[in-house]
Amino acid sequence: MKRVGVEGTLTDVKDALQQRGYEVVDVKQEADVDGCDCCVISGQDKNVMGMQDTEYKGAVINANGLTADAICQQVDARF
């Protein structure tokens, strides 16, 4: 089963991904993405400090302005 980390505010995305059979992990801090194949972020606090030093190697999808269905399609495309 593919594991997808989803930022806490995106409950509609979490529900939609679970319905498609993905294991969904609630992302509250950086360590929560360990073991995730893909992550979905809200984009609200993206790069606030101007720092980009993350060690995460999986795909990151910015949900800003997208519907839950559009996000699911992007996650599907990653696998």
PDB file of N, CA and C in Angstrom:
ATOM      1  N   MET A   1       0.849  -1.181   0.000  1.00  0.00           N
ATOM      2  CA  MET A   1       0.000   0.000   0.000  1.00  0.00           C
ATOM      3  C   MET A   1       0.894   1.244   0.000  1.00  0.00           C
ATOM      4  N   LYS A   2       0.585   2.183  -0.849  1.00  0.00           N
ATOM      5  CA  LYS A   2       1.339   3.426  -0.921  1.00  0.00           C
ATOM      6  C   LYS A   2       0.968   4.316   0.253  1.00  0.00           C
ATOM      7  N   ARG A   3       1.968   4.952   0.830  1.00  0.00           N
ATOM      8  CA  ARG A   3       1.781   5.798   2.020  1.00  0.00           C
ATOM      9  C   ARG A   3       1.936   7.260   1.624  1.00  0.00           C
ATOM     10  N   VAL A   4       0.914   8.063   1.947  1.00  0.00           N
ATOM     11  CA  VAL A   4       0.899   9.473   1.575  1.00  0.00           C
ATOM     12  C   VAL A   4       0.754  10.321   2.835  1.00  0.00           C
ATOM     13  N   GLY A   5       1.666  11.261   3.019  1.00  0.00           N
ATOM     14  CA  GLY A   5       1.575  12.200   4.122  1.00  0.00           C
ATOM     15  C   GLY A   5       0.734  13.394   3.693  1.00  0.00           C
ATOM     16  N   VAL A   6      -0.205  13.806   4.542  1.00  0.00           N
ATOM     17  CA  VAL A   6      -1.095  14.912   4.202  1.00  0.00           C
ATOM     18  C   VAL A   6      -1.119  15.892   5.369  1.00  0.00           C
ATOM     19  N   GLU A   7      -0.928  17.165   5.066  1.00  0.00           N
ATOM     20  CA  GLU A   7      -0.968  18.201   6.097  1.00  0.00           C
ATOM     21  C   GLU A   7      -2.340  18.207   6.775  1.00  0.00           C
ATOM     22  N   GLY A   8      -2.347  18.449   8.068  1.00  0.00           N
ATOM     23  CA  GLY A   8      -3.533  18.311   8.908  1.00  0.00           C
ATOM     24  C   GLY A   8      -4.773  19.050   8.468  1.00  0.00           C
ATOM     25  N   THR A   9      -4.640  20.189   7.829  1.00  0.00           N
ATOM     26  CA  THR A   9      -5.810  20.989   7.452  1.00  0.00           C
ATOM     27  C   THR A   9      -6.548  20.451   6.236  1.00  0.00           C
ATOM     28  N   LEU A  10      -5.990  19.489   5.557  1.00  0.00           N
ATOM     29  CA  LEU A  10      -6.555  18.992   4.291  1.00  0.00           C
ATOM     30  C   LEU A  10      -7.395  17.737   4.498  1.00  0.00           C
ATOM     31  N   THR A  11      -8.426  17.843   5.327  1.00  0.00           N
ATOM     32  CA  THR A  11      -9.238  16.667   5.664  1.00  0.00           C
ATOM     33  C   THR A  11      -9.971  16.086   4.461  1.00  0.00           C
ATOM     34  N   ASP A  12     -10.422  16.923   3.532  1.00  0.00           N
ATOM     35  CA  ASP A  12     -11.113  16.403   2.344  1.00  0.00           C
ATOM     36  C   ASP A  12     -10.156  15.586   1.474  1.00  0.00           C
ATOM     37  N   VAL A  13      -8.901  16.009   1.415  1.00  0.00           N
ATOM     38  CA  VAL A  13      -7.884  15.277   0.646  1.00  0.00           C
ATOM     39  C   VAL A  13      -7.586  13.948   1.329  1.00  0.00           C
ATOM     40  N   LYS A  14      -7.470  13.956   2.644  1.00  0.00           N
ATOM     41  CA  LYS A  14      -7.225  12.714   3.394  1.00  0.00           C
ATOM     42  C   LYS A  14      -8.326  11.701   3.102  1.00  0.00           C
ATOM     43  N   ASP A  15      -9.573  12.142   3.190  1.00  0.00           N
ATOM     44  CA  ASP A  15     -10.710  11.251   2.954  1.00  0.00           C
ATOM     45  C   ASP A  15     -10.695  10.689   1.532  1.00  0.00           C
ATOM     46  N   ALA A  16     -10.436  11.549   0.569  1.00  0.00           N
ATOM     47  CA  ALA A  16     -10.436  11.124  -0.838  1.00  0.00           C
ATOM     48  C   ALA A  16      -9.320  10.116  -1.103  1.00  0.00           C
ATOM     49  N   LEU A  17      -8.141  10.343  -0.529  1.00  0.00           N
ATOM     50  CA  LEU A  17      -7.022   9.411  -0.735  1.00  0.00           C
ATOM     51  C   LEU A  17      -7.296   8.067  -0.060  1.00  0.00           C
ATOM     52  N   GLN A  18      -7.894   8.097   1.125  1.00  0.00           N
ATOM     53  CA  GLN A  18      -8.229   6.846   1.804  1.00  0.00           C
ATOM     54  C   GLN A  18      -9.249   6.046   1.004  1.00  0.00           C
ATOM     55  N   GLN A  19     -10.201   6.726   0.384  1.00  0.00           N
ATOM     56  CA  GLN A  19     -11.196   6.045  -0.443  1.00  0.00           C
ATOM     57  C   GLN A  19     -10.550   5.396  -1.661  1.00  0.00           C
ATOM     58  N   ARG A  20      -9.421   5.937  -2.103  1.00  0.00           N
ATOM     59  CA  ARG A  20      -8.705   5.361  -3.250  1.00  0.00           C
ATOM     60  C   ARG A  20      -7.736   4.265  -2.830  1.00  0.00           C
ATOM     61  N   GLY A  21      -7.683   3.972  -1.520  1.00  0.00           N
ATOM     62  CA  GLY A  21      -6.863   2.862  -1.052  1.00  0.00           C
ATOM     63  C   GLY A  21      -5.477   3.226  -0.564  1.00  0.00           C
ATOM     64  N   TYR A  22      -5.173   4.502  -0.420  1.00  0.00           N
ATOM     65  CA  TYR A  22      -3.870   4.917   0.086  1.00  0.00           C
ATOM     66  C   TYR A  22      -3.859   4.892   1.610  1.00  0.00           C
ATOM     67  N   GLU A  23      -2.692   4.593   2.172  1.00  0.00           N
ATOM     68  CA  GLU A  23      -2.494   4.757   3.610  1.00  0.00           C
ATOM     69  C   GLU A  23      -2.144   6.221   3.826  1.00  0.00           C
ATOM     70  N   VAL A  24      -2.911   6.926   4.638  1.00  0.00           N
ATOM     71  CA  VAL A  24      -2.725   8.363   4.837  1.00  0.00           C
ATOM     72  C   VAL A  24      -2.151   8.626   6.223  1.00  0.00           C
ATOM     73  N   VAL A  25      -1.087   9.437   6.253  1.00  0.00           N
ATOM     74  CA  VAL A  25      -0.425   9.817   7.494  1.00  0.00           C
ATOM     75  C   VAL A  25      -0.639  11.307   7.704  1.00  0.00           C
ATOM     76  N   ASP A  26      -1.031  11.687   8.921  1.00  0.00           N
ATOM     77  CA  ASP A  26      -1.223  13.095   9.260  1.00  0.00           C
ATOM     78  C   ASP A  26       0.147  13.736   9.489  1.00  0.00           C
ATOM     79  N   VAL A  27       0.473  14.772   8.726  1.00  0.00           N
ATOM     80  CA  VAL A  27       1.767  15.438   8.817  1.00  0.00           C
ATOM     81  C   VAL A  27       1.622  16.703   9.657  1.00  0.00           C
ATOM     82  N   LYS A  28       2.272  16.662  10.822  1.00  0.00           N
ATOM     83  CA  LYS A  28       2.273  17.814  11.719  1.00  0.00           C
ATOM     84  C   LYS A  28       3.667  18.405  11.876  1.00  0.00           C
ATOM     85  N   GLN A  29       4.677  17.566  11.657  1.00  0.00           N
ATOM     86  CA  GLN A  29       6.066  18.008  11.742  1.00  0.00           C
ATOM     87  C   GLN A  29       6.893  17.228  10.733  1.00  0.00           C
ATOM     88  N   GLU A  30       8.112  17.651  10.513  1.00  0.00           N
ATOM     89  CA  GLU A  30       8.959  17.074   9.467  1.00  0.00           C
ATOM     90  C   GLU A  30       9.154  15.567   9.616  1.00  0.00           C
ATOM     91  N   ALA A  31       9.294  15.094  10.847  1.00  0.00           N
ATOM     92  CA  ALA A  31       9.544  13.669  11.079  1.00  0.00           C
ATOM     93  C   ALA A  31       8.368  12.791  10.646  1.00  0.00           C
ATOM     94  N   ASP A  32       7.180  13.351  10.529  1.00  0.00           N
ATOM     95  CA  ASP A  32       5.997  12.575  10.153  1.00  0.00           C
ATOM     96  C   ASP A  32       6.053  12.045   8.723  1.00  0.00           C
ATOM     97  N   VAL A  33       6.905  12.606   7.882  1.00  0.00           N
ATOM     98  CA  VAL A  33       6.967  12.178   6.484  1.00  0.00           C
ATOM     99  C   VAL A  33       7.862  10.959   6.282  1.00  0.00           C
ATOM    100  N   ASP A  34       8.557  10.520   7.332  1.00  0.00           N
ATOM    101  CA  ASP A  34       9.401   9.330   7.218  1.00  0.00           C
ATOM    102  C   ASP A  34       8.565   8.144   6.769  1.00  0.00           C
ATOM    103  N   GLY A  35       8.995   7.483   5.729  1.00  0.00           N
ATOM    104  CA  GLY A  35       8.289   6.325   5.214  1.00  0.00           C
ATOM    105  C   GLY A  35       7.173   6.649   4.230  1.00  0.00           C
ATOM    106  N   CYS A  36       6.937   7.932   3.975  1.00  0.00           N
ATOM    107  CA  CYS A  36       5.897   8.320   3.016  1.00  0.00           C
ATOM    108  C   CYS A  36       6.456   8.320   1.600  1.00  0.00           C
ATOM    109  N   ASP A  37       5.659   7.854   0.665  1.00  0.00           N
ATOM    110  CA  ASP A  37       6.054   7.846  -0.741  1.00  0.00           C
ATOM    111  C   ASP A  37       5.793   9.193  -1.404  1.00  0.00           C
ATOM    112  N   CYS A  38       4.897   9.976  -0.822  1.00  0.00           N
ATOM    113  CA  CYS A  38       4.465  11.246  -1.399  1.00  0.00           C
ATOM    114  C   CYS A  38       3.872  12.082  -0.276  1.00  0.00           C
ATOM    115  N   CYS A  39       3.935  13.407  -0.401  1.00  0.00           N
ATOM    116  CA  CYS A  39       3.346  14.300   0.611  1.00  0.00           C
ATOM    117  C   CYS A  39       2.506  15.375  -0.062  1.00  0.00           C
ATOM    118  N   VAL A  40       1.423  15.751   0.605  1.00  0.00           N
ATOM    119  CA  VAL A  40       0.550  16.823   0.130  1.00  0.00           C
ATOM    120  C   VAL A  40       0.568  17.925   1.187  1.00  0.00           C
ATOM    121  N   ILE A  41       0.932  19.136   0.758  1.00  0.00           N
ATOM    122  CA  ILE A  41       0.989  20.274   1.671  1.00  0.00           C
ATOM    123  C   ILE A  41      -0.047  21.310   1.253  1.00  0.00           C
ATOM    124  N   SER A  42      -0.470  22.117   2.209  1.00  0.00           N
ATOM    125  CA  SER A  42      -1.476  23.139   1.903  1.00  0.00           C
ATOM    126  C   SER A  42      -0.879  24.301   1.132  1.00  0.00           C
ATOM    127  N   GLY A  43       0.405  24.548   1.310  1.00  0.00           N
ATOM    128  CA  GLY A  43       1.063  25.667   0.625  1.00  0.00           C
ATOM    129  C   GLY A  43       0.929  26.974   1.364  1.00  0.00           C
ATOM    130  N   GLN A  44       0.218  26.987   2.468  1.00  0.00           N
ATOM    131  CA  GLN A  44       0.003  28.219   3.209  1.00  0.00           C
ATOM    132  C   GLN A  44       1.270  28.747   3.865  1.00  0.00           C
ATOM    133  N   ASP A  45       2.124  27.846   4.346  1.00  0.00           N
ATOM    134  CA  ASP A  45       3.338  28.300   5.021  1.00  0.00           C
ATOM    135  C   ASP A  45       4.600  27.827   4.295  1.00  0.00           C
ATOM    136  N   LYS A  46       4.497  27.644   3.006  1.00  0.00           N
ATOM    137  CA  LYS A  46       5.596  27.155   2.185  1.00  0.00           C
ATOM    138  C   LYS A  46       6.757  28.146   2.195  1.00  0.00           C
ATOM    139  N   ASN A  47       7.909  27.703   2.660  1.00  0.00           N
ATOM    140  CA  ASN A  47       9.148  28.466   2.605  1.00  0.00           C
ATOM    141  C   ASN A  47       9.015  29.840   3.271  1.00  0.00           C
ATOM    142  N   VAL A  48       8.379  29.891   4.416  1.00  0.00           N
ATOM    143  CA  VAL A  48       8.167  31.145   5.132  1.00  0.00           C
ATOM    144  C   VAL A  48       9.489  31.825   5.483  1.00  0.00           C
ATOM    145  N   MET A  49      10.465  31.044   5.914  1.00  0.00           N
ATOM    146  CA  MET A  49      11.741  31.593   6.350  1.00  0.00           C
ATOM    147  C   MET A  49      12.764  31.713   5.206  1.00  0.00           C
ATOM    148  N   GLY A  50      12.385  31.307   4.006  1.00  0.00           N
ATOM    149  CA  GLY A  50      13.320  31.358   2.887  1.00  0.00           C
ATOM    150  C   GLY A  50      14.356  30.249   2.927  1.00  0.00           C
ATOM    151  N   MET A  51      14.087  29.205   3.708  1.00  0.00           N
ATOM    152  CA  MET A  51      15.019  28.085   3.852  1.00  0.00           C
ATOM    153  C   MET A  51      14.446  26.857   3.162  1.00  0.00           C
ATOM    154  N   GLN A  52      15.308  26.132   2.475  1.00  0.00           N
ATOM    155  CA  GLN A  52      14.868  24.919   1.787  1.00  0.00           C
ATOM    156  C   GLN A  52      15.855  23.800   2.084  1.00  0.00           C
ATOM    157  N   ASP A  53      15.906  23.363   3.318  1.00  0.00           N
ATOM    158  CA  ASP A  53      16.899  22.369   3.719  1.00  0.00           C
ATOM    159  C   ASP A  53      16.299  21.019   4.081  1.00  0.00           C
ATOM    160  N   THR A  54      15.163  20.701   3.530  1.00  0.00           N
ATOM    161  CA  THR A  54      14.512  19.428   3.836  1.00  0.00           C
ATOM    162  C   THR A  54      15.292  18.259   3.234  1.00  0.00           C
ATOM    163  N   GLU A  55      15.204  17.128   3.869  1.00  0.00           N
ATOM    164  CA  GLU A  55      15.893  15.914   3.426  1.00  0.00           C
ATOM    165  C   GLU A  55      14.929  14.953   2.730  1.00  0.00           C
ATOM    166  N   TYR A  56      13.672  15.326   2.590  1.00  0.00           N
ATOM    167  CA  TYR A  56      12.650  14.453   2.012  1.00  0.00           C
ATOM    168  C   TYR A  56      12.901  14.255   0.528  1.00  0.00           C
ATOM    169  N   LYS A  57      12.885  12.999   0.094  1.00  0.00           N
ATOM    170  CA  LYS A  57      13.187  12.667  -1.303  1.00  0.00           C
ATOM    171  C   LYS A  57      11.959  12.338  -2.142  1.00  0.00           C
ATOM    172  N   GLY A  58      10.784  12.202  -1.524  1.00  0.00           N
ATOM    173  CA  GLY A  58       9.575  11.856  -2.253  1.00  0.00           C
ATOM    174  C   GLY A  58       8.954  13.063  -2.937  1.00  0.00           C
ATOM    175  N   ALA A  59       7.895  12.814  -3.683  1.00  0.00           N
ATOM    176  CA  ALA A  59       7.177  13.883  -4.377  1.00  0.00           C
ATOM    177  C   ALA A  59       6.399  14.721  -3.369  1.00  0.00           C
ATOM    178  N   VAL A  60       6.387  16.031  -3.576  1.00  0.00           N
ATOM    179  CA  VAL A  60       5.619  16.945  -2.739  1.00  0.00           C
ATOM    180  C   VAL A  60       4.612  17.653  -3.640  1.00  0.00           C
ATOM    181  N   ILE A  61       3.342  17.583  -3.264  1.00  0.00           N
ATOM    182  CA  ILE A  61       2.274  18.198  -4.043  1.00  0.00           C
ATOM    183  C   ILE A  61       1.716  19.371  -3.252  1.00  0.00           C
ATOM    184  N   ASN A  62       1.727  20.541  -3.858  1.00  0.00           N
ATOM    185  CA  ASN A  62       1.176  21.745  -3.237  1.00  0.00           C
ATOM    186  C   ASN A  62      -0.314  21.804  -3.579  1.00  0.00           C
ATOM    187  N   ALA A  63      -1.158  21.718  -2.559  1.00  0.00           N
ATOM    188  CA  ALA A  63      -2.605  21.658  -2.755  1.00  0.00           C
ATOM    189  C   ALA A  63      -3.252  23.018  -2.970  1.00  0.00           C
ATOM    190  N   ASN A  64      -2.488  24.074  -2.870  1.00  0.00           N
ATOM    191  CA  ASN A  64      -3.031  25.428  -2.974  1.00  0.00           C
ATOM    192  C   ASN A  64      -3.780  25.621  -4.291  1.00  0.00           C
ATOM    193  N   GLY A  65      -5.083  25.885  -4.207  1.00  0.00           N
ATOM    194  CA  GLY A  65      -5.902  26.143  -5.386  1.00  0.00           C
ATOM    195  C   GLY A  65      -6.412  24.911  -6.111  1.00  0.00           C
ATOM    196  N   LEU A  66      -6.151  23.715  -5.588  1.00  0.00           N
ATOM    197  CA  LEU A  66      -6.574  22.481  -6.247  1.00  0.00           C
ATOM    198  C   LEU A  66      -7.723  21.828  -5.492  1.00  0.00           C
ATOM    199  N   THR A  67      -8.567  21.112  -6.211  1.00  0.00           N
ATOM    200  CA  THR A  67      -9.628  20.334  -5.581  1.00  0.00           C
ATOM    201  C   THR A  67      -9.040  19.021  -5.066  1.00  0.00           C
ATOM    202  N   ALA A  68      -9.781  18.362  -4.186  1.00  0.00           N
ATOM    203  CA  ALA A  68      -9.337  17.073  -3.663  1.00  0.00           C
ATOM    204  C   ALA A  68      -9.160  16.068  -4.802  1.00  0.00           C
ATOM    205  N   ASP A  69     -10.048  16.094  -5.792  1.00  0.00           N
ATOM    206  CA  ASP A  69      -9.945  15.182  -6.928  1.00  0.00           C
ATOM    207  C   ASP A  69      -8.688  15.455  -7.752  1.00  0.00           C
ATOM    208  N   ALA A  70      -8.376  16.712  -7.973  1.00  0.00           N
ATOM    209  CA  ALA A  70      -7.173  17.070  -8.737  1.00  0.00           C
ATOM    210  C   ALA A  70      -5.917  16.625  -8.007  1.00  0.00           C
ATOM    211  N   ILE A  71      -5.926  16.744  -6.695  1.00  0.00           N
ATOM    212  CA  ILE A  71      -4.778  16.301  -5.896  1.00  0.00           C
ATOM    213  C   ILE A  71      -4.633  14.791  -5.976  1.00  0.00           C
ATOM    214  N   CYS A  72      -5.751  14.075  -5.873  1.00  0.00           N
ATOM    215  CA  CYS A  72      -5.718  12.615  -5.985  1.00  0.00           C
ATOM    216  C   CYS A  72      -5.171  12.183  -7.341  1.00  0.00           C
ATOM    217  N   GLN A  73      -5.540  12.891  -8.392  1.00  0.00           N
ATOM    218  CA  GLN A  73      -5.028  12.572  -9.733  1.00  0.00           C
ATOM    219  C   GLN A  73      -3.514  12.765  -9.780  1.00  0.00           C
ATOM    220  N   GLN A  74      -3.015  13.811  -9.121  1.00  0.00           N
ATOM    221  CA  GLN A  74      -1.577  14.045  -9.094  1.00  0.00           C
ATOM    222  C   GLN A  74      -0.858  12.947  -8.299  1.00  0.00           C
ATOM    223  N   VAL A  75      -1.467  12.536  -7.176  1.00  0.00           N
ATOM    224  CA  VAL A  75      -0.873  11.445  -6.387  1.00  0.00           C
ATOM    225  C   VAL A  75      -0.863  10.157  -7.214  1.00  0.00           C
ATOM    226  N   ASP A  76      -1.980   9.856  -7.876  1.00  0.00           N
ATOM    227  CA  ASP A  76      -2.044   8.664  -8.739  1.00  0.00           C
ATOM    228  C   ASP A  76      -0.945   8.690  -9.792  1.00  0.00           C
ATOM    229  N   ALA A  77      -0.686   9.852 -10.363  1.00  0.00           N
ATOM    230  CA  ALA A  77       0.315   9.987 -11.431  1.00  0.00           C
ATOM    231  C   ALA A  77       1.734   9.723 -10.914  1.00  0.00           C
ATOM    232  N   ARG A  78       1.968   9.941  -9.623  1.00  0.00           N
ATOM    233  CA  ARG A  78       3.289   9.721  -9.038  1.00  0.00           C
ATOM    234  C   ARG A  78       3.596   8.234  -8.898  1.00  0.00           C
ATOM    235  N   PHE A  79       2.554   7.412  -8.878  1.00  0.00           N
ATOM    236  CA  PHE A  79       2.739   5.973  -8.701  1.00  0.00           C
ATOM    237  C   PHE A  79       2.416   5.291  -9.970  1.00  0.00           C
TER     238      PHE A  79
END
